[in-house]
Amino acid sequence: MKEKELLEFIIKNLVDHKEDVNINVIEGERLTLLELRVNKEDVGKVIGKYGNIAKAIRTLLNATGTKLGKKIVLEILD
């Protein structure tokens, strides 16, 4: 669950509506899917200009996953 805690820390420091951050974890044998929901007003902050912030977050999660021997996929939901 380290990946969930990492994602939650990053997202809560980006958004204005911290109480609306919801992360659903779907664990597989070699894959972990993280479904992220935030307030509609904060979606742009999480994705960033040209998707740069989302890409950076995915890079950090992939580094964590490599260390744990898993692939981690982040899905940002509306």
PDB file of N, CA and C in Angstrom:
ATOM      1  N   MET A   1       0.814  -1.212   0.000  1.00  0.00           N
ATOM      2  CA  MET A   1       0.000   0.000   0.000  1.00  0.00           C
ATOM      3  C   MET A   1       0.849   1.264   0.000  1.00  0.00           C
ATOM      4  N   LYS A   2       2.146   1.127  -0.122  1.00  0.00           N
ATOM      5  CA  LYS A   2       3.001   2.314  -0.151  1.00  0.00           C
ATOM      6  C   LYS A   2       2.667   3.213  -1.323  1.00  0.00           C
ATOM      7  N   GLU A   3       2.278   2.605  -2.441  1.00  0.00           N
ATOM      8  CA  GLU A   3       1.957   3.413  -3.617  1.00  0.00           C
ATOM      9  C   GLU A   3       0.722   4.272  -3.390  1.00  0.00           C
ATOM     10  N   LYS A   4      -0.258   3.771  -2.637  1.00  0.00           N
ATOM     11  CA  LYS A   4      -1.461   4.558  -2.344  1.00  0.00           C
ATOM     12  C   LYS A   4      -1.104   5.748  -1.451  1.00  0.00           C
ATOM     13  N   GLU A   5      -0.283   5.494  -0.444  1.00  0.00           N
ATOM     14  CA  GLU A   5       0.121   6.564   0.464  1.00  0.00           C
ATOM     15  C   GLU A   5       0.931   7.640  -0.258  1.00  0.00           C
ATOM     16  N   LEU A   6       1.810   7.218  -1.163  1.00  0.00           N
ATOM     17  CA  LEU A   6       2.588   8.163  -1.950  1.00  0.00           C
ATOM     18  C   LEU A   6       1.678   9.021  -2.827  1.00  0.00           C
ATOM     19  N   LEU A   7       0.755   8.367  -3.531  1.00  0.00           N
ATOM     20  CA  LEU A   7      -0.171   9.089  -4.402  1.00  0.00           C
ATOM     21  C   LEU A   7      -1.036  10.057  -3.598  1.00  0.00           C
ATOM     22  N   GLU A   8      -1.534   9.605  -2.466  1.00  0.00           N
ATOM     23  CA  GLU A   8      -2.383  10.455  -1.628  1.00  0.00           C
ATOM     24  C   GLU A   8      -1.613  11.690  -1.145  1.00  0.00           C
ATOM     25  N   PHE A   9      -0.371  11.512  -0.749  1.00  0.00           N
ATOM     26  CA  PHE A   9       0.459  12.631  -0.299  1.00  0.00           C
ATOM     27  C   PHE A   9       0.653  13.653  -1.422  1.00  0.00           C
ATOM     28  N   ILE A  10       0.987  13.157  -2.612  1.00  0.00           N
ATOM     29  CA  ILE A  10       1.223  14.053  -3.749  1.00  0.00           C
ATOM     30  C   ILE A  10      -0.041  14.810  -4.114  1.00  0.00           C
ATOM     31  N   ILE A  11      -1.147  14.095  -4.261  1.00  0.00           N
ATOM     32  CA  ILE A  11      -2.397  14.709  -4.726  1.00  0.00           C
ATOM     33  C   ILE A  11      -2.933  15.708  -3.708  1.00  0.00           C
ATOM     34  N   LYS A  12      -2.907  15.360  -2.437  1.00  0.00           N
ATOM     35  CA  LYS A  12      -3.449  16.272  -1.421  1.00  0.00           C
ATOM     36  C   LYS A  12      -2.654  17.562  -1.326  1.00  0.00           C
ATOM     37  N   ASN A  13      -1.393  17.536  -1.760  1.00  0.00           N
ATOM     38  CA  ASN A  13      -0.598  18.761  -1.772  1.00  0.00           C
ATOM     39  C   ASN A  13      -0.785  19.567  -3.055  1.00  0.00           C
ATOM     40  N   LEU A  14      -1.459  18.996  -4.038  1.00  0.00           N
ATOM     41  CA  LEU A  14      -1.732  19.707  -5.291  1.00  0.00           C
ATOM     42  C   LEU A  14      -3.105  20.375  -5.317  1.00  0.00           C
ATOM     43  N   VAL A  15      -4.094  19.743  -4.703  1.00  0.00           N
ATOM     44  CA  VAL A  15      -5.483  20.170  -4.870  1.00  0.00           C
ATOM     45  C   VAL A  15      -5.939  21.125  -3.774  1.00  0.00           C
ATOM     46  N   ASP A  16      -7.051  21.826  -4.043  1.00  0.00           N
ATOM     47  CA  ASP A  16      -7.666  22.719  -3.059  1.00  0.00           C
ATOM     48  C   ASP A  16      -8.679  21.976  -2.188  1.00  0.00           C
ATOM     49  N   HIS A  17      -9.376  21.003  -2.764  1.00  0.00           N
ATOM     50  CA  HIS A  17     -10.428  20.260  -2.053  1.00  0.00           C
ATOM     51  C   HIS A  17      -9.877  18.896  -1.611  1.00  0.00           C
ATOM     52  N   LYS A  18      -9.079  18.913  -0.537  1.00  0.00           N
ATOM     53  CA  LYS A  18      -8.416  17.697  -0.059  1.00  0.00           C
ATOM     54  C   LYS A  18      -9.395  16.619   0.382  1.00  0.00           C
ATOM     55  N   GLU A  19     -10.551  17.040   0.867  1.00  0.00           N
ATOM     56  CA  GLU A  19     -11.547  16.080   1.362  1.00  0.00           C
ATOM     57  C   GLU A  19     -12.196  15.283   0.235  1.00  0.00           C
ATOM     58  N   ASP A  20     -12.085  15.749  -0.997  1.00  0.00           N
ATOM     59  CA  ASP A  20     -12.690  15.065  -2.140  1.00  0.00           C
ATOM     60  C   ASP A  20     -11.739  14.078  -2.829  1.00  0.00           C
ATOM     61  N   VAL A  21     -10.526  13.927  -2.317  1.00  0.00           N
ATOM     62  CA  VAL A  21      -9.569  12.983  -2.902  1.00  0.00           C
ATOM     63  C   VAL A  21      -9.978  11.570  -2.510  1.00  0.00           C
ATOM     64  N   ASN A  22     -10.181  10.731  -3.521  1.00  0.00           N
ATOM     65  CA  ASN A  22     -10.583   9.343  -3.296  1.00  0.00           C
ATOM     66  C   ASN A  22      -9.724   8.444  -4.172  1.00  0.00           C
ATOM     67  N   ILE A  23      -9.042   7.490  -3.543  1.00  0.00           N
ATOM     68  CA  ILE A  23      -8.174   6.570  -4.269  1.00  0.00           C
ATOM     69  C   ILE A  23      -8.663   5.156  -4.032  1.00  0.00           C
ATOM     70  N   ASN A  24      -8.990   4.477  -5.116  1.00  0.00           N
ATOM     71  CA  ASN A  24      -9.419   3.084  -5.055  1.00  0.00           C
ATOM     72  C   ASN A  24      -8.274   2.222  -5.577  1.00  0.00           C
ATOM     73  N   VAL A  25      -7.875   1.215  -4.797  1.00  0.00           N
ATOM     74  CA  VAL A  25      -6.764   0.350  -5.170  1.00  0.00           C
ATOM     75  C   VAL A  25      -7.301  -1.007  -5.592  1.00  0.00           C
ATOM     76  N   ILE A  26      -6.900  -1.456  -6.774  1.00  0.00           N
ATOM     77  CA  ILE A  26      -7.256  -2.788  -7.258  1.00  0.00           C
ATOM     78  C   ILE A  26      -5.941  -3.549  -7.411  1.00  0.00           C
ATOM     79  N   GLU A  27      -5.749  -4.523  -6.531  1.00  0.00           N
ATOM     80  CA  GLU A  27      -4.498  -5.289  -6.487  1.00  0.00           C
ATOM     81  C   GLU A  27      -4.584  -6.520  -7.356  1.00  0.00           C
ATOM     82  N   GLY A  28      -3.549  -6.739  -8.111  1.00  0.00           N
ATOM     83  CA  GLY A  28      -3.397  -7.967  -8.865  1.00  0.00           C
ATOM     84  C   GLY A  28      -2.085  -8.604  -8.461  1.00  0.00           C
ATOM     85  N   GLU A  29      -1.767  -9.739  -9.087  1.00  0.00           N
ATOM     86  CA  GLU A  29      -0.532 -10.422  -8.732  1.00  0.00           C
ATOM     87  C   GLU A  29       0.696  -9.596  -9.134  1.00  0.00           C
ATOM     88  N   ARG A  30       0.666  -9.053 -10.349  1.00  0.00           N
ATOM     89  CA  ARG A  30       1.798  -8.269 -10.839  1.00  0.00           C
ATOM     90  C   ARG A  30       1.422  -6.842 -11.217  1.00  0.00           C
ATOM     91  N   LEU A  31       0.182  -6.480 -11.001  1.00  0.00           N
ATOM     92  CA  LEU A  31      -0.303  -5.171 -11.412  1.00  0.00           C
ATOM     93  C   LEU A  31      -1.133  -4.562 -10.292  1.00  0.00           C
ATOM     94  N   THR A  32      -0.936  -3.291 -10.066  1.00  0.00           N
ATOM     95  CA  THR A  32      -1.764  -2.538  -9.125  1.00  0.00           C
ATOM     96  C   THR A  32      -2.379  -1.376  -9.892  1.00  0.00           C
ATOM     97  N   LEU A  33      -3.704  -1.290  -9.860  1.00  0.00           N
ATOM     98  CA  LEU A  33      -4.427  -0.207 -10.519  1.00  0.00           C
ATOM     99  C   LEU A  33      -4.885   0.775  -9.452  1.00  0.00           C
ATOM    100  N   LEU A  34      -4.519   2.030  -9.628  1.00  0.00           N
ATOM    101  CA  LEU A  34      -4.937   3.093  -8.722  1.00  0.00           C
ATOM    102  C   LEU A  34      -5.930   3.976  -9.464  1.00  0.00           C
ATOM    103  N   GLU A  35      -7.163   4.010  -8.986  1.00  0.00           N
ATOM    104  CA  GLU A  35      -8.194   4.863  -9.573  1.00  0.00           C
ATOM    105  C   GLU A  35      -8.316   6.105  -8.707  1.00  0.00           C
ATOM    106  N   LEU A  36      -8.085   7.245  -9.309  1.00  0.00           N
ATOM    107  CA  LEU A  36      -8.072   8.516  -8.583  1.00  0.00           C
ATOM    108  C   LEU A  36      -9.270   9.361  -8.974  1.00  0.00           C
ATOM    109  N   ARG A  37      -9.982   9.833  -7.965  1.00  0.00           N
ATOM    110  CA  ARG A  37     -11.077  10.782  -8.172  1.00  0.00           C
ATOM    111  C   ARG A  37     -10.790  12.016  -7.323  1.00  0.00           C
ATOM    112  N   VAL A  38     -10.944  13.173  -7.955  1.00  0.00           N
ATOM    113  CA  VAL A  38     -10.794  14.445  -7.247  1.00  0.00           C
ATOM    114  C   VAL A  38     -11.973  15.340  -7.620  1.00  0.00           C
ATOM    115  N   ASN A  39     -12.114  16.437  -6.920  1.00  0.00           N
ATOM    116  CA  ASN A  39     -13.146  17.422  -7.222  1.00  0.00           C
ATOM    117  C   ASN A  39     -12.950  17.923  -8.655  1.00  0.00           C
ATOM    118  N   LYS A  40     -14.055  18.187  -9.345  1.00  0.00           N
ATOM    119  CA  LYS A  40     -13.988  18.631 -10.746  1.00  0.00           C
ATOM    120  C   LYS A  40     -13.112  19.871 -10.925  1.00  0.00           C
ATOM    121  N   GLU A  41     -13.097  20.743  -9.932  1.00  0.00           N
ATOM    122  CA  GLU A  41     -12.292  21.958 -10.010  1.00  0.00           C
ATOM    123  C   GLU A  41     -10.792  21.656  -9.945  1.00  0.00           C
ATOM    124  N   ASP A  42     -10.424  20.499  -9.396  1.00  0.00           N
ATOM    125  CA  ASP A  42      -9.016  20.149  -9.203  1.00  0.00           C
ATOM    126  C   ASP A  42      -8.447  19.233 -10.279  1.00  0.00           C
ATOM    127  N   VAL A  43      -9.262  18.765 -11.203  1.00  0.00           N
ATOM    128  CA  VAL A  43      -8.789  17.828 -12.223  1.00  0.00           C
ATOM    129  C   VAL A  43      -7.653  18.447 -13.044  1.00  0.00           C
ATOM    130  N   GLY A  44      -7.785  19.692 -13.404  1.00  0.00           N
ATOM    131  CA  GLY A  44      -6.746  20.373 -14.177  1.00  0.00           C
ATOM    132  C   GLY A  44      -5.424  20.461 -13.439  1.00  0.00           C
ATOM    133  N   LYS A  45      -5.479  20.639 -12.137  1.00  0.00           N
ATOM    134  CA  LYS A  45      -4.260  20.711 -11.334  1.00  0.00           C
ATOM    135  C   LYS A  45      -3.553  19.370 -11.281  1.00  0.00           C
ATOM    136  N   VAL A  46      -4.325  18.299 -11.268  1.00  0.00           N
ATOM    137  CA  VAL A  46      -3.754  16.950 -11.202  1.00  0.00           C
ATOM    138  C   VAL A  46      -3.163  16.549 -12.555  1.00  0.00           C
ATOM    139  N   ILE A  47      -3.828  16.925 -13.633  1.00  0.00           N
ATOM    140  CA  ILE A  47      -3.345  16.558 -14.964  1.00  0.00           C
ATOM    141  C   ILE A  47      -2.217  17.488 -15.398  1.00  0.00           C
ATOM    142  N   GLY A  48      -2.369  18.773 -15.168  1.00  0.00           N
ATOM    143  CA  GLY A  48      -1.332  19.730 -15.523  1.00  0.00           C
ATOM    144  C   GLY A  48      -1.369  20.101 -16.992  1.00  0.00           C
ATOM    145  N   LYS A  49      -0.605  21.117 -17.328  1.00  0.00           N
ATOM    146  CA  LYS A  49      -0.533  21.592 -18.704  1.00  0.00           C
ATOM    147  C   LYS A  49       0.138  20.521 -19.563  1.00  0.00           C
ATOM    148  N   TYR A  50      -0.550  20.147 -20.638  1.00  0.00           N
ATOM    149  CA  TYR A  50      -0.101  19.097 -21.565  1.00  0.00           C
ATOM    150  C   TYR A  50       0.068  17.736 -20.878  1.00  0.00           C
ATOM    151  N   GLY A  51      -0.526  17.551 -19.691  1.00  0.00           N
ATOM    152  CA  GLY A  51      -0.439  16.278 -18.989  1.00  0.00           C
ATOM    153  C   GLY A  51       0.881  16.060 -18.273  1.00  0.00           C
ATOM    154  N   ASN A  52       1.651  17.113 -18.102  1.00  0.00           N
ATOM    155  CA  ASN A  52       2.987  16.970 -17.508  1.00  0.00           C
ATOM    156  C   ASN A  52       2.965  16.521 -16.054  1.00  0.00           C
ATOM    157  N   ILE A  53       2.025  17.019 -15.255  1.00  0.00           N
ATOM    158  CA  ILE A  53       1.979  16.634 -13.847  1.00  0.00           C
ATOM    159  C   ILE A  53       1.549  15.174 -13.723  1.00  0.00           C
ATOM    160  N   ALA A  54       0.537  14.770 -14.477  1.00  0.00           N
ATOM    161  CA  ALA A  54       0.089  13.374 -14.446  1.00  0.00           C
ATOM    162  C   ALA A  54       1.221  12.446 -14.889  1.00  0.00           C
ATOM    163  N   LYS A  55       1.969  12.853 -15.890  1.00  0.00           N
ATOM    164  CA  LYS A  55       3.087  12.045 -16.377  1.00  0.00           C
ATOM    165  C   LYS A  55       4.171  11.909 -15.299  1.00  0.00           C
ATOM    166  N   ALA A  56       4.453  12.989 -14.598  1.00  0.00           N
ATOM    167  CA  ALA A  56       5.455  12.960 -13.527  1.00  0.00           C
ATOM    168  C   ALA A  56       5.005  12.059 -12.380  1.00  0.00           C
ATOM    169  N   ILE A  57       3.726  12.129 -12.027  1.00  0.00           N
ATOM    170  CA  ILE A  57       3.197  11.274 -10.960  1.00  0.00           C
ATOM    171  C   ILE A  57       3.296   9.809 -11.378  1.00  0.00           C
ATOM    172  N   ARG A  58       2.959   9.511 -12.630  1.00  0.00           N
ATOM    173  CA  ARG A  58       3.055   8.136 -13.121  1.00  0.00           C
ATOM    174  C   ARG A  58       4.501   7.640 -13.104  1.00  0.00           C
ATOM    175  N   THR A  59       5.439   8.521 -13.401  1.00  0.00           N
ATOM    176  CA  THR A  59       6.854   8.151 -13.361  1.00  0.00           C
ATOM    177  C   THR A  59       7.274   7.781 -11.939  1.00  0.00           C
ATOM    178  N   LEU A  60       6.853   8.566 -10.964  1.00  0.00           N
ATOM    179  CA  LEU A  60       7.165   8.260  -9.563  1.00  0.00           C
ATOM    180  C   LEU A  60       6.542   6.930  -9.131  1.00  0.00           C
ATOM    181  N   LEU A  61       5.290   6.711  -9.543  1.00  0.00           N
ATOM    182  CA  LEU A  61       4.621   5.463  -9.184  1.00  0.00           C
ATOM    183  C   LEU A  61       5.297   4.265  -9.842  1.00  0.00           C
ATOM    184  N   ASN A  62       5.740   4.429 -11.096  1.00  0.00           N
ATOM    185  CA  ASN A  62       6.442   3.338 -11.773  1.00  0.00           C
ATOM    186  C   ASN A  62       7.760   3.013 -11.082  1.00  0.00           C
ATOM    187  N   ALA A  63       8.457   4.034 -10.592  1.00  0.00           N
ATOM    188  CA  ALA A  63       9.700   3.800  -9.856  1.00  0.00           C
ATOM    189  C   ALA A  63       9.420   3.027  -8.573  1.00  0.00           C
ATOM    190  N   THR A  64       8.349   3.382  -7.889  1.00  0.00           N
ATOM    191  CA  THR A  64       7.954   2.658  -6.686  1.00  0.00           C
ATOM    192  C   THR A  64       7.576   1.224  -7.023  1.00  0.00           C
ATOM    193  N   GLY A  65       6.843   1.052  -8.112  1.00  0.00           N
ATOM    194  CA  GLY A  65       6.429  -0.282  -8.529  1.00  0.00           C
ATOM    195  C   GLY A  65       7.596  -1.162  -8.908  1.00  0.00           C
ATOM    196  N   THR A  66       8.586  -0.586  -9.567  1.00  0.00           N
ATOM    197  CA  THR A  66       9.776  -1.344  -9.947  1.00  0.00           C
ATOM    198  C   THR A  66      10.485  -1.870  -8.707  1.00  0.00           C
ATOM    199  N   LYS A  67      10.550  -1.035  -7.703  1.00  0.00           N
ATOM    200  CA  LYS A  67      11.186  -1.432  -6.443  1.00  0.00           C
ATOM    201  C   LYS A  67      10.417  -2.576  -5.777  1.00  0.00           C
ATOM    202  N   LEU A  68       9.093  -2.576  -5.939  1.00  0.00           N
ATOM    203  CA  LEU A  68       8.247  -3.609  -5.340  1.00  0.00           C
ATOM    204  C   LEU A  68       8.035  -4.806  -6.272  1.00  0.00           C
ATOM    205  N   GLY A  69       8.529  -4.712  -7.501  1.00  0.00           N
ATOM    206  CA  GLY A  69       8.361  -5.795  -8.461  1.00  0.00           C
ATOM    207  C   GLY A  69       6.979  -5.855  -9.079  1.00  0.00           C
ATOM    208  N   LYS A  70       6.316  -4.700  -9.171  1.00  0.00           N
ATOM    209  CA  LYS A  70       4.954  -4.627  -9.729  1.00  0.00           C
ATOM    210  C   LYS A  70       4.874  -3.510 -10.759  1.00  0.00           C
ATOM    211  N   LYS A  71       3.865  -3.596 -11.585  1.00  0.00           N
ATOM    212  CA  LYS A  71       3.531  -2.488 -12.482  1.00  0.00           C
ATOM    213  C   LYS A  71       2.386  -1.730 -11.843  1.00  0.00           C
ATOM    214  N   ILE A  72       2.503  -0.427 -11.781  1.00  0.00           N
ATOM    215  CA  ILE A  72       1.474   0.400 -11.171  1.00  0.00           C
ATOM    216  C   ILE A  72       0.871   1.292 -12.258  1.00  0.00           C
ATOM    217  N   VAL A  73      -0.457   1.248 -12.366  1.00  0.00           N
ATOM    218  CA  VAL A  73      -1.179   2.028 -13.362  1.00  0.00           C
ATOM    219  C   VAL A  73      -2.059   3.041 -12.637  1.00  0.00           C
ATOM    220  N   LEU A  74      -1.955   4.305 -13.035  1.00  0.00           N
ATOM    221  CA  LEU A  74      -2.787   5.367 -12.473  1.00  0.00           C
ATOM    222  C   LEU A  74      -3.855   5.743 -13.482  1.00  0.00           C
ATOM    223  N   GLU A  75      -5.087   5.714 -13.040  1.00  0.00           N
ATOM    224  CA  GLU A  75      -6.214   6.112 -13.868  1.00  0.00           C
ATOM    225  C   GLU A  75      -6.901   7.285 -13.180  1.00  0.00           C
ATOM    226  N   ILE A  76      -6.981   8.418 -13.864  1.00  0.00           N
ATOM    227  CA  ILE A  76      -7.628   9.611 -13.310  1.00  0.00           C
ATOM    228  C   ILE A  76      -9.065   9.637 -13.840  1.00  0.00           C
ATOM    229  N   LEU A  77     -10.020   9.502 -12.940  1.00  0.00           N
ATOM    230  CA  LEU A  77     -11.429   9.424 -13.305  1.00  0.00           C
ATOM    231  C   LEU A  77     -12.114  10.769 -13.097  1.00  0.00           C
ATOM    232  N   ASP A  78     -13.152  11.032 -13.896  1.00  0.00           N
ATOM    233  CA  ASP A  78     -13.941  12.265 -13.756  1.00  0.00           C
ATOM    234  C   ASP A  78     -14.947  12.128 -12.637  1.00  0.00           C
TER     235      ASP A  78
END
